PDB file of N, CA and C in Angstrom:
ATOM      1  N   MET A   1      51.673  90.606  95.400  1.00  0.00           N
ATOM      2  CA  MET A   1      52.725  91.362  94.773  1.00  0.00           C
ATOM      3  C   MET A   1      53.515  92.175  95.792  1.00  0.00           C
ATOM      4  N   ILE A   2      52.832  92.858  96.673  1.00  0.00           N
ATOM      5  CA  ILE A   2      53.513  93.634  97.705  1.00  0.00           C
ATOM      6  C   ILE A   2      54.287  92.694  98.624  1.00  0.00           C
ATOM      7  N   THR A   3      53.693  91.553  98.949  1.00  0.00           N
ATOM      8  CA  THR A   3      54.364  90.574  99.799  1.00  0.00           C
ATOM      9  C   THR A   3      55.633  90.062  99.139  1.00  0.00           C
ATOM     10  N   ASN A   4      55.562  89.784  97.833  1.00  0.00           N
ATOM     11  CA  ASN A   4      56.749  89.326  97.105  1.00  0.00           C
ATOM     12  C   ASN A   4      57.858  90.365  97.137  1.00  0.00           C
ATOM     13  N   ARG A   5      57.509  91.611  96.893  1.00  0.00           N
ATOM     14  CA  ARG A   5      58.516  92.677  96.900  1.00  0.00           C
ATOM     15  C   ARG A   5      59.121  92.846  98.284  1.00  0.00           C
ATOM     16  N   PHE A   6      58.263  92.766  99.284  1.00  0.00           N
ATOM     17  CA  PHE A   6      58.764  92.874 100.642  1.00  0.00           C
ATOM     18  C   PHE A   6      59.726  91.731 100.948  1.00  0.00           C
ATOM     19  N   GLU A   7      59.373  90.525 100.567  1.00  0.00           N
ATOM     20  CA  GLU A   7      60.230  89.369 100.808  1.00  0.00           C
ATOM     21  C   GLU A   7      61.562  89.508 100.063  1.00  0.00           C
ATOM     22  N   GLU A   8      61.514  90.007  98.830  1.00  0.00           N
ATOM     23  CA  GLU A   8      62.747  90.230  98.061  1.00  0.00           C
ATOM     24  C   GLU A   8      63.619  91.282  98.743  1.00  0.00           C
ATOM     25  N   TRP A   9      62.997  92.364  99.177  1.00  0.00           N
ATOM     26  CA  TRP A   9      63.730  93.422  99.875  1.00  0.00           C
ATOM     27  C   TRP A   9      64.350  92.879 101.160  1.00  0.00           C
ATOM     28  N   LYS A  10      63.572  92.109 101.891  1.00  0.00           N
ATOM     29  CA  LYS A  10      64.047  91.542 103.154  1.00  0.00           C
ATOM     30  C   LYS A  10      65.253  90.624 102.920  1.00  0.00           C
ATOM     31  N   GLU A  11      65.205  89.828 101.874  1.00  0.00           N
ATOM     32  CA  GLU A  11      66.312  88.921 101.554  1.00  0.00           C
ATOM     33  C   GLU A  11      67.559  89.708 101.141  1.00  0.00           C
ATOM     34  N   ARG A  12      67.376  90.762 100.342  1.00  0.00           N
ATOM     35  CA  ARG A  12      68.512  91.604  99.946  1.00  0.00           C
ATOM     36  C   ARG A  12      69.158  92.234 101.171  1.00  0.00           C
ATOM     37  N   GLN A  13      68.337  92.721 102.084  1.00  0.00           N
ATOM     38  CA  GLN A  13      68.864  93.343 103.301  1.00  0.00           C
ATOM     39  C   GLN A  13      69.604  92.323 104.166  1.00  0.00           C
ATOM     40  N   ARG A  14      69.088  91.118 104.205  1.00  0.00           N
ATOM     41  CA  ARG A  14      69.757  90.056 104.962  1.00  0.00           C
ATOM     42  C   ARG A  14      71.130  89.777 104.361  1.00  0.00           C
ATOM     43  N   LEU A  15      71.200  89.691 103.035  1.00  0.00           N
ATOM     44  CA  LEU A  15      72.474  89.426 102.368  1.00  0.00           C
ATOM     45  C   LEU A  15      73.459  90.568 102.567  1.00  0.00           C
ATOM     46  N   VAL A  16      72.971  91.792 102.552  1.00  0.00           N
ATOM     47  CA  VAL A  16      73.832  92.949 102.818  1.00  0.00           C
ATOM     48  C   VAL A  16      74.386  92.842 104.236  1.00  0.00           C
ATOM     49  N   GLY A  17      73.552  92.466 105.168  1.00  0.00           N
ATOM     50  CA  GLY A  17      73.987  92.312 106.557  1.00  0.00           C
ATOM     51  C   GLY A  17      75.024  91.209 106.718  1.00  0.00           C
ATOM     52  N   VAL A  18      74.830  90.111 106.019  1.00  0.00           N
ATOM     53  CA  VAL A  18      75.788  89.005 106.067  1.00  0.00           C
ATOM     54  C   VAL A  18      77.134  89.461 105.517  1.00  0.00           C
ATOM     55  N   GLU A  19      77.103  90.145 104.387  1.00  0.00           N
ATOM     56  CA  GLU A  19      78.347  90.630 103.770  1.00  0.00           C
ATOM     57  C   GLU A  19      79.050  91.635 104.675  1.00  0.00           C
ATOM     58  N   GLN A  20      78.290  92.530 105.293  1.00  0.00           N
ATOM     59  CA  GLN A  20      78.889  93.509 106.206  1.00  0.00           C
ATOM     60  C   GLN A  20      79.502  92.804 107.405  1.00  0.00           C
ATOM     61  N   GLY A  21      78.830  91.801 107.916  1.00  0.00           N
ATOM     62  CA  GLY A  21      79.366  91.033 109.039  1.00  0.00           C
ATOM     63  C   GLY A  21      80.654  90.323 108.680  1.00  0.00           C
ATOM     64  N   ARG A  22      80.710  89.787 107.481  1.00  0.00           N
ATOM     65  CA  ARG A  22      81.916  89.110 107.009  1.00  0.00           C
ATOM     66  C   ARG A  22      83.076  90.106 106.911  1.00  0.00           C
ATOM     67  N   LEU A  23      82.803  91.273 106.364  1.00  0.00           N
ATOM     68  CA  LEU A  23      83.826  92.306 106.215  1.00  0.00           C
ATOM     69  C   LEU A  23      84.299  92.803 107.583  1.00  0.00           C
ATOM     70  N   ASP A  24      83.384  92.996 108.508  1.00  0.00           N
ATOM     71  CA  ASP A  24      83.755  93.411 109.861  1.00  0.00           C
ATOM     72  C   ASP A  24      84.630  92.358 110.528  1.00  0.00           C
ATOM     73  N   GLY A  25      84.311  91.087 110.305  1.00  0.00           N
ATOM     74  CA  GLY A  25      85.114  90.003 110.867  1.00  0.00           C
ATOM     75  C   GLY A  25      86.516  89.977 110.283  1.00  0.00           C
ATOM     76  N   GLU A  26      86.632  90.214 108.977  1.00  0.00           N
ATOM     77  CA  GLU A  26      87.953  90.264 108.350  1.00  0.00           C
ATOM     78  C   GLU A  26      88.768  91.429 108.899  1.00  0.00           C
ATOM     79  N   ARG A  27      88.109  92.577 109.072  1.00  0.00           N
ATOM     80  CA  ARG A  27      88.811  93.735 109.647  1.00  0.00           C
ATOM     81  C   ARG A  27      89.341  93.413 111.043  1.00  0.00           C
ATOM     82  N   ALA A  28      88.498  92.801 111.848  1.00  0.00           N
ATOM     83  CA  ALA A  28      88.895  92.459 113.212  1.00  0.00           C
ATOM     84  C   ALA A  28      90.065  91.474 113.209  1.00  0.00           C
ATOM     85  N   LEU A  29      90.031  90.503 112.315  1.00  0.00           N
ATOM     86  CA  LEU A  29      91.103  89.520 112.251  1.00  0.00           C
ATOM     87  C   LEU A  29      92.418  90.150 111.796  1.00  0.00           C
ATOM     88  N   VAL A  30      92.365  90.982 110.774  1.00  0.00           N
ATOM     89  CA  VAL A  30      93.587  91.645 110.296  1.00  0.00           C
ATOM     90  C   VAL A  30      94.157  92.533 111.394  1.00  0.00           C
ATOM     91  N   LEU A  31      93.304  93.267 112.084  1.00  0.00           N
ATOM     92  CA  LEU A  31      93.771  94.106 113.187  1.00  0.00           C
ATOM     93  C   LEU A  31      94.425  93.255 114.273  1.00  0.00           C
ATOM     94  N   ARG A  32      93.826  92.139 114.577  1.00  0.00           N
ATOM     95  CA  ARG A  32      94.389  91.236 115.588  1.00  0.00           C
ATOM     96  C   ARG A  32      95.756  90.703 115.175  1.00  0.00           C
ATOM     97  N   LEU A  33      95.882  90.322 113.904  1.00  0.00           N
ATOM     98  CA  LEU A  33      97.170  89.837 113.402  1.00  0.00           C
ATOM     99  C   LEU A  33      98.240  90.922 113.493  1.00  0.00           C
ATOM    100  N   ILE A  34      97.870  92.131 113.096  1.00  0.00           N
ATOM    101  CA  ILE A  34      98.818  93.250 113.148  1.00  0.00           C
ATOM    102  C   ILE A  34      99.229  93.529 114.588  1.00  0.00           C
ATOM    103  N   GLN A  35      98.279  93.561 115.497  1.00  0.00           N
ATOM    104  CA  GLN A  35      98.591  93.827 116.895  1.00  0.00           C
ATOM    105  C   GLN A  35      99.436  92.714 117.500  1.00  0.00           C
ATOM    106  N   HIS A  36      99.167  91.507 117.136  1.00  0.00           N
ATOM    107  CA  HIS A  36      99.951  90.385 117.653  1.00  0.00           C
ATOM    108  C   HIS A  36     101.406  90.483 117.175  1.00  0.00           C
ATOM    109  N   ARG A  37     101.557  90.878 115.929  1.00  0.00           N
ATOM    110  CA  ARG A  37     102.898  90.938 115.337  1.00  0.00           C
ATOM    111  C   ARG A  37     103.675  92.190 115.737  1.00  0.00           C
ATOM    112  N   PHE A  38     102.992  93.352 115.784  1.00  0.00           N
ATOM    113  CA  PHE A  38     103.697  94.618 115.964  1.00  0.00           C
ATOM    114  C   PHE A  38     103.302  95.410 117.206  1.00  0.00           C
ATOM    115  N   GLY A  39     102.381  94.907 117.987  1.00  0.00           N
ATOM    116  CA  GLY A  39     101.929  95.660 119.154  1.00  0.00           C
ATOM    117  C   GLY A  39     100.727  96.524 118.802  1.00  0.00           C
ATOM    118  N   ASP A  40     100.428  97.466 119.684  1.00  0.00           N
ATOM    119  CA  ASP A  40      99.235  98.299 119.518  1.00  0.00           C
ATOM    120  C   ASP A  40      99.243  99.028 118.175  1.00  0.00           C
ATOM    121  N   ALA A  41      98.115  99.019 117.501  1.00  0.00           N
ATOM    122  CA  ALA A  41      97.987  99.650 116.186  1.00  0.00           C
ATOM    123  C   ALA A  41      97.651 101.128 116.357  1.00  0.00           C
ATOM    124  N   PRO A  42      98.362 101.991 115.629  1.00  0.00           N
ATOM    125  CA  PRO A  42      98.051 103.428 115.716  1.00  0.00           C
ATOM    126  C   PRO A  42      96.654 103.727 115.148  1.00  0.00           C
ATOM    127  N   THR A  43      96.109 104.840 115.575  1.00  0.00           N
ATOM    128  CA  THR A  43      94.775 105.239 115.136  1.00  0.00           C
ATOM    129  C   THR A  43      94.683 105.341 113.617  1.00  0.00           C
ATOM    130  N   THR A  44      95.723 105.852 112.981  1.00  0.00           N
ATOM    131  CA  THR A  44      95.692 105.989 111.519  1.00  0.00           C
ATOM    132  C   THR A  44      95.538 104.629 110.843  1.00  0.00           C
ATOM    133  N   LEU A  45      96.172 103.611 111.394  1.00  0.00           N
ATOM    134  CA  LEU A  45      96.043 102.267 110.837  1.00  0.00           C
ATOM    135  C   LEU A  45      94.630 101.731 111.040  1.00  0.00           C
ATOM    136  N   ARG A  46      94.075 101.959 112.209  1.00  0.00           N
ATOM    137  CA  ARG A  46      92.704 101.508 112.489  1.00  0.00           C
ATOM    138  C   ARG A  46      91.713 102.165 111.525  1.00  0.00           C
ATOM    139  N   LEU A  47      91.900 103.456 111.280  1.00  0.00           N
ATOM    140  CA  LEU A  47      91.027 104.162 110.344  1.00  0.00           C
ATOM    141  C   LEU A  47      91.183 103.621 108.932  1.00  0.00           C
ATOM    142  N   ARG A  48      92.408 103.317 108.571  1.00  0.00           N
ATOM    143  CA  ARG A  48      92.657 102.774 107.237  1.00  0.00           C
ATOM    144  C   ARG A  48      91.981 101.413 107.068  1.00  0.00           C
ATOM    145  N   LEU A  49      92.021 100.613 108.114  1.00  0.00           N
ATOM    146  CA  LEU A  49      91.357  99.310 108.061  1.00  0.00           C
ATOM    147  C   LEU A  49      89.846  99.472 107.923  1.00  0.00           C
ATOM    148  N   GLN A  50      89.282 100.487 108.574  1.00  0.00           N
ATOM    149  CA  GLN A  50      87.831 100.697 108.510  1.00  0.00           C
ATOM    150  C   GLN A  50      87.344 101.000 107.098  1.00  0.00           C
ATOM    151  N   SER A  51      88.215 101.588 106.283  1.00  0.00           N
ATOM    152  CA  SER A  51      87.791 101.926 104.926  1.00  0.00           C
ATOM    153  C   SER A  51      88.319 100.935 103.883  1.00  0.00           C
ATOM    154  N   ALA A  52      89.020  99.903 104.337  1.00  0.00           N
ATOM    155  CA  ALA A  52      89.608  98.935 103.407  1.00  0.00           C
ATOM    156  C   ALA A  52      88.543  98.009 102.824  1.00  0.00           C
ATOM    157  N   SER A  53      88.742  97.680 101.565  1.00  0.00           N
ATOM    158  CA  SER A  53      87.851  96.723 100.890  1.00  0.00           C
ATOM    159  C   SER A  53      88.240  95.299 101.297  1.00  0.00           C
ATOM    160  N   GLN A  54      87.424  94.347 100.891  1.00  0.00           N
ATOM    161  CA  GLN A  54      87.730  92.952 101.188  1.00  0.00           C
ATOM    162  C   GLN A  54      89.056  92.540 100.558  1.00  0.00           C
ATOM    163  N   ALA A  55      89.291  92.953  99.321  1.00  0.00           N
ATOM    164  CA  ALA A  55      90.544  92.612  98.641  1.00  0.00           C
ATOM    165  C   ALA A  55      91.741  93.220  99.369  1.00  0.00           C
ATOM    166  N   GLU A  56      91.602  94.454  99.817  1.00  0.00           N
ATOM    167  CA  GLU A  56      92.700  95.104 100.553  1.00  0.00           C
ATOM    168  C   GLU A  56      92.969  94.397 101.875  1.00  0.00           C
ATOM    169  N   LEU A  57      91.910  93.988 102.555  1.00  0.00           N
ATOM    170  CA  LEU A  57      92.077  93.272 103.822  1.00  0.00           C
ATOM    171  C   LEU A  57      92.767  91.928 103.608  1.00  0.00           C
ATOM    172  N   GLU A  58      92.393  91.227 102.549  1.00  0.00           N
ATOM    173  CA  GLU A  58      93.037  89.947 102.251  1.00  0.00           C
ATOM    174  C   GLU A  58      94.514  90.151 101.941  1.00  0.00           C
ATOM    175  N   ASN A  59      94.819  91.209 101.204  1.00  0.00           N
ATOM    176  CA  ASN A  59      96.209  91.526 100.883  1.00  0.00           C
ATOM    177  C   ASN A  59      96.998  91.835 102.154  1.00  0.00           C
ATOM    178  N   LEU A  60      96.421  92.616 103.046  1.00  0.00           N
ATOM    179  CA  LEU A  60      97.090  92.942 104.309  1.00  0.00           C
ATOM    180  C   LEU A  60      97.312  91.693 105.159  1.00  0.00           C
ATOM    181  N   ALA A  61      96.327  90.804 105.178  1.00  0.00           N
ATOM    182  CA  ALA A  61      96.473  89.572 105.948  1.00  0.00           C
ATOM    183  C   ALA A  61      97.652  88.752 105.439  1.00  0.00           C
ATOM    184  N   ASP A  62      97.845  88.722 104.131  1.00  0.00           N
ATOM    185  CA  ASP A  62      98.995  88.023 103.560  1.00  0.00           C
ATOM    186  C   ASP A  62     100.301  88.751 103.877  1.00  0.00           C
ATOM    187  N   ARG A  63     100.281  90.058 103.753  1.00  0.00           N
ATOM    188  CA  ARG A  63     101.502  90.848 103.947  1.00  0.00           C
ATOM    189  C   ARG A  63     101.988  90.844 105.395  1.00  0.00           C
ATOM    190  N   VAL A  64     101.067  90.739 106.343  1.00  0.00           N
ATOM    191  CA  VAL A  64     101.468  90.782 107.751  1.00  0.00           C
ATOM    192  C   VAL A  64     102.389  89.602 108.088  1.00  0.00           C
ATOM    193  N   LEU A  65     102.302  88.535 107.321  1.00  0.00           N
ATOM    194  CA  LEU A  65     103.145  87.364 107.578  1.00  0.00           C
ATOM    195  C   LEU A  65     104.617  87.637 107.285  1.00  0.00           C
ATOM    196  N   ASP A  66     104.886  88.500 106.302  1.00  0.00           N
ATOM    197  CA  ASP A  66     106.265  88.765 105.890  1.00  0.00           C
ATOM    198  C   ASP A  66     106.787  90.140 106.289  1.00  0.00           C
ATOM    199  N   ALA A  67     105.911  91.030 106.695  1.00  0.00           N
ATOM    200  CA  ALA A  67     106.318  92.403 106.998  1.00  0.00           C
ATOM    201  C   ALA A  67     107.214  92.436 108.237  1.00  0.00           C
ATOM    202  N   THR A  68     108.174  93.362 108.216  1.00  0.00           N
ATOM    203  CA  THR A  68     109.046  93.549 109.371  1.00  0.00           C
ATOM    204  C   THR A  68     108.616  94.751 110.202  1.00  0.00           C
ATOM    205  N   SER A  69     107.703  95.559 109.655  1.00  0.00           N
ATOM    206  CA  SER A  69     107.151  96.703 110.390  1.00  0.00           C
ATOM    207  C   SER A  69     105.762  97.015 109.840  1.00  0.00           C
ATOM    208  N   VAL A  70     105.025  97.831 110.566  1.00  0.00           N
ATOM    209  CA  VAL A  70     103.702  98.237 110.110  1.00  0.00           C
ATOM    210  C   VAL A  70     103.812  98.978 108.783  1.00  0.00           C
ATOM    211  N   ASP A  71     104.852  99.778 108.629  1.00  0.00           N
ATOM    212  CA  ASP A  71     105.050 100.522 107.381  1.00  0.00           C
ATOM    213  C   ASP A  71     105.181  99.589 106.181  1.00  0.00           C
ATOM    214  N   ASP A  72     105.778  98.435 106.391  1.00  0.00           N
ATOM    215  CA  ASP A  72     105.951  97.457 105.300  1.00  0.00           C
ATOM    216  C   ASP A  72     104.614  96.965 104.744  1.00  0.00           C
ATOM    217  N   LEU A  73     103.582  97.027 105.558  1.00  0.00           N
ATOM    218  CA  LEU A  73     102.278  96.542 105.129  1.00  0.00           C
ATOM    219  C   LEU A  73     101.724  97.355 103.963  1.00  0.00           C
ATOM    220  N   PHE A  74     102.130  98.603 103.869  1.00  0.00           N
ATOM    221  CA  PHE A  74     101.551  99.502 102.880  1.00  0.00           C
ATOM    222  C   PHE A  74     102.525  99.924 101.800  1.00  0.00           C
ATOM    223  N   GLN A  75     103.617  99.215 101.660  1.00  0.00           N
ATOM    224  CA  GLN A  75     104.595  99.540 100.616  1.00  0.00           C
ATOM    225  C   GLN A  75     104.544  98.542  99.505  1.00  0.00           C
TER     226      GLN A  75
END
């Protein structure tokens, strides 16, 4: 019983780690796209990306294709 619970806990932690890694990768990619398009990203933008959800990051990735400035990303 203890072994089963430990294994379940271990699997949950692994999945949390995978999800966090995926989110970190999306953040890095969105930041890279923004920097490629507009140059160095201000600290406020970097902080905003750090707290962005997966849905927000996906939205930003789409918006960076059409935005004419960094400000356009958030309007």
